[in-house]
Protein backbone atom coordinates (compact mmCIF):
# COMPACT_ATOMS: atom_id res chain seq x y z
CA ILE A 1 0.00 0.00 0.00
CA ALA A 2 2.82 2.40 0.86
CA SER A 3 4.51 1.89 -2.50
CA ALA A 4 1.23 2.58 -4.36
CA ILE A 5 0.85 5.85 -2.46
CA PHE A 6 4.48 6.74 -3.15
CA TRP A 7 4.13 6.09 -6.92
CA GLY A 8 0.84 8.01 -7.00
CA VAL A 9 2.44 11.06 -5.39
CA LEU A 10 5.49 10.78 -7.65
CA LYS A 11 3.33 10.50 -10.78
CA ALA A 12 1.20 13.49 -9.75
CA THR A 13 4.14 15.76 -8.93
CA VAL A 14 7.10 15.16 -11.24
CA GLY A 15 5.88 12.33 -13.44
CA ILE A 16 7.34 8.89 -14.04
CA ARG A 17 7.71 8.96 -17.83
CA VAL A 18 10.21 10.65 -20.09
CA SER A 19 9.15 12.65 -23.12
CA GLU A 20 8.69 10.86 -26.44
CA GLU A 21 11.54 12.92 -27.90
CA ASP A 22 13.94 11.78 -25.14
CA GLU A 23 12.80 8.19 -25.59
CA LEU A 24 13.46 8.26 -29.34
CA MET A 25 16.80 10.04 -28.95
CA GLY A 26 17.90 7.57 -26.28
CA LEU A 27 17.92 8.02 -22.55
CA ASP A 28 21.69 7.80 -22.37
CA ILE A 29 21.91 11.00 -24.42
CA ALA A 30 18.96 12.72 -22.74
CA GLU A 31 20.05 11.90 -19.19
CA HIS A 32 23.86 11.84 -19.46
CA GLY A 33 24.65 13.80 -22.62
CA MET A 34 26.56 10.98 -24.33
CA GLU A 35 25.97 7.65 -26.06
CA ALA A 36 26.54 4.53 -24.01
CA TYR A 37 27.05 2.24 -27.02
CA SER A 38 28.40 4.41 -29.81
CA GLY A 39 29.26 1.44 -32.07
CA PHE A 40 25.64 0.65 -32.90
CA VAL A 41 23.90 2.10 -35.96
CA LYS A 42 20.51 3.68 -35.28
CA ASP A 43 19.34 3.88 -38.90
CA ALA A 44 16.22 1.82 -39.64
CA ASN A 45 17.28 1.41 -43.30
CA THR A 46 20.40 -0.61 -42.57
CA VAL A 47 20.73 -4.29 -43.40
CA PRO A 48 22.34 -6.97 -41.26
CA ALA A 49 26.04 -7.63 -41.83
CA SER A 50 25.32 -11.30 -42.48
CA PRO A 51 22.24 -13.30 -43.45
CA PRO A 52 20.23 -14.93 -40.66
CA ALA A 53 21.51 -18.29 -39.50
CA GLU A 54 19.86 -21.37 -40.93
CA ARG A 55 18.02 -23.57 -38.46
CA VAL A 56 19.03 -27.24 -38.48
């Protein structure tokens, strides 16, 4: 019961969700100002480096 009250107060005062813009940009950038995993490509038009493995 105490945790439900706590989350209710938190949600009503400061909120418990980030903005959609921050979510799309990545929380590592929005919260810390830098990318956590800079080696990953974020482009939706990229193709995998190798074809999917064949199931045997």
